[in-house]
């Protein structure tokens, strides 16, 4: 079975995979949240392209970054 690049990097760096924090990233709830954050970033990026104001782009990027950290 071929491993993806992320699994290879984790193995190369020797990150323990049996920790509670690592196991959380494999749950279905985490994967749904990750998909939602991706959708927020895509929608936010399209809105930023439509508005095309540097201040709005900066504020939107900061807000989406905060949202990503808070949600995940």
Protein backbone atom coordinates (compact mmCIF):
# COMPACT_ATOMS: atom_id res chain seq x y z
CA UNK A 1 0.00 0.00 0.00
CA UNK A 2 1.43 3.36 -1.03
CA UNK A 3 1.64 6.01 1.68
CA UNK A 4 0.84 9.61 0.91
CA UNK A 5 3.42 12.33 1.42
CA UNK A 6 2.05 13.41 4.80
CA UNK A 7 2.35 9.88 6.22
CA UNK A 8 5.91 9.64 4.94
CA UNK A 9 6.88 12.96 6.54
CA UNK A 10 5.30 11.92 9.84
CA UNK A 11 7.22 8.66 9.77
CA UNK A 12 10.49 10.41 8.76
CA UNK A 13 10.20 12.93 11.60
CA UNK A 14 9.38 10.20 14.10
CA UNK A 15 6.17 11.81 15.32
CA UNK A 16 4.38 9.42 17.70
CA UNK A 17 1.09 8.32 16.18
CA UNK A 18 -0.44 6.85 19.32
CA UNK A 19 -0.99 10.18 21.10
CA UNK A 20 -4.49 11.42 21.76
CA UNK A 21 -3.89 14.58 19.72
CA UNK A 22 -2.78 12.60 16.67
CA UNK A 23 -5.69 10.16 16.93
CA UNK A 24 -8.12 13.11 17.00
CA UNK A 25 -7.09 14.02 13.44
CA UNK A 26 -8.27 10.60 12.24
CA UNK A 27 -11.82 10.91 13.60
CA UNK A 28 -14.83 11.53 11.39
CA UNK A 29 -15.77 14.68 13.32
CA UNK A 30 -12.34 16.22 12.69
CA UNK A 31 -12.52 15.36 8.98
CA UNK A 32 -15.94 17.08 8.71
CA UNK A 33 -14.59 20.17 10.47
CA UNK A 34 -11.59 20.18 8.16
CA UNK A 35 -13.86 20.07 5.11
CA UNK A 36 -15.91 22.95 6.50
CA UNK A 37 -12.78 25.06 7.09
CA UNK A 38 -11.63 24.32 3.52
CA UNK A 39 -15.01 25.48 2.23
CA UNK A 40 -14.78 28.67 4.30
CA UNK A 41 -11.37 29.41 2.79
CA UNK A 42 -12.57 28.80 -0.76
CA UNK A 43 -15.68 30.95 -0.34
CA UNK A 44 -13.66 33.64 1.44
CA UNK A 45 -11.05 33.63 -1.32
CA UNK A 46 -13.69 34.08 -4.00
CA UNK A 47 -15.23 36.98 -2.05
CA UNK A 48 -11.78 38.55 -1.62
CA UNK A 49 -11.18 38.30 -5.38
CA UNK A 50 -14.56 39.90 -6.07
CA UNK A 51 -14.03 42.80 -3.67
CA UNK A 52 -10.34 43.33 -4.57
CA UNK A 53 -9.63 45.80 -1.74
CA UNK A 54 -6.31 45.27 0.06
CA UNK A 55 -7.73 46.15 3.47
CA UNK A 56 -10.64 43.74 3.00
CA UNK A 57 -8.29 41.00 1.82
CA UNK A 58 -6.04 41.44 4.84
CA UNK A 59 -8.93 41.57 7.31
CA UNK A 60 -10.60 38.59 5.64
CA UNK A 61 -7.40 36.57 5.76
CA UNK A 62 -6.91 37.33 9.45
CA UNK A 63 -10.52 36.43 10.21
CA UNK A 64 -10.35 33.15 8.27
CA UNK A 65 -7.08 32.25 9.98
CA UNK A 66 -8.65 32.90 13.38
CA UNK A 67 -11.69 30.86 12.35
CA UNK A 68 -9.47 27.96 11.27
CA UNK A 69 -7.59 27.87 14.56
CA UNK A 70 -10.76 28.26 16.62
CA UNK A 71 -12.77 25.65 14.74
CA UNK A 72 -10.12 22.96 14.53
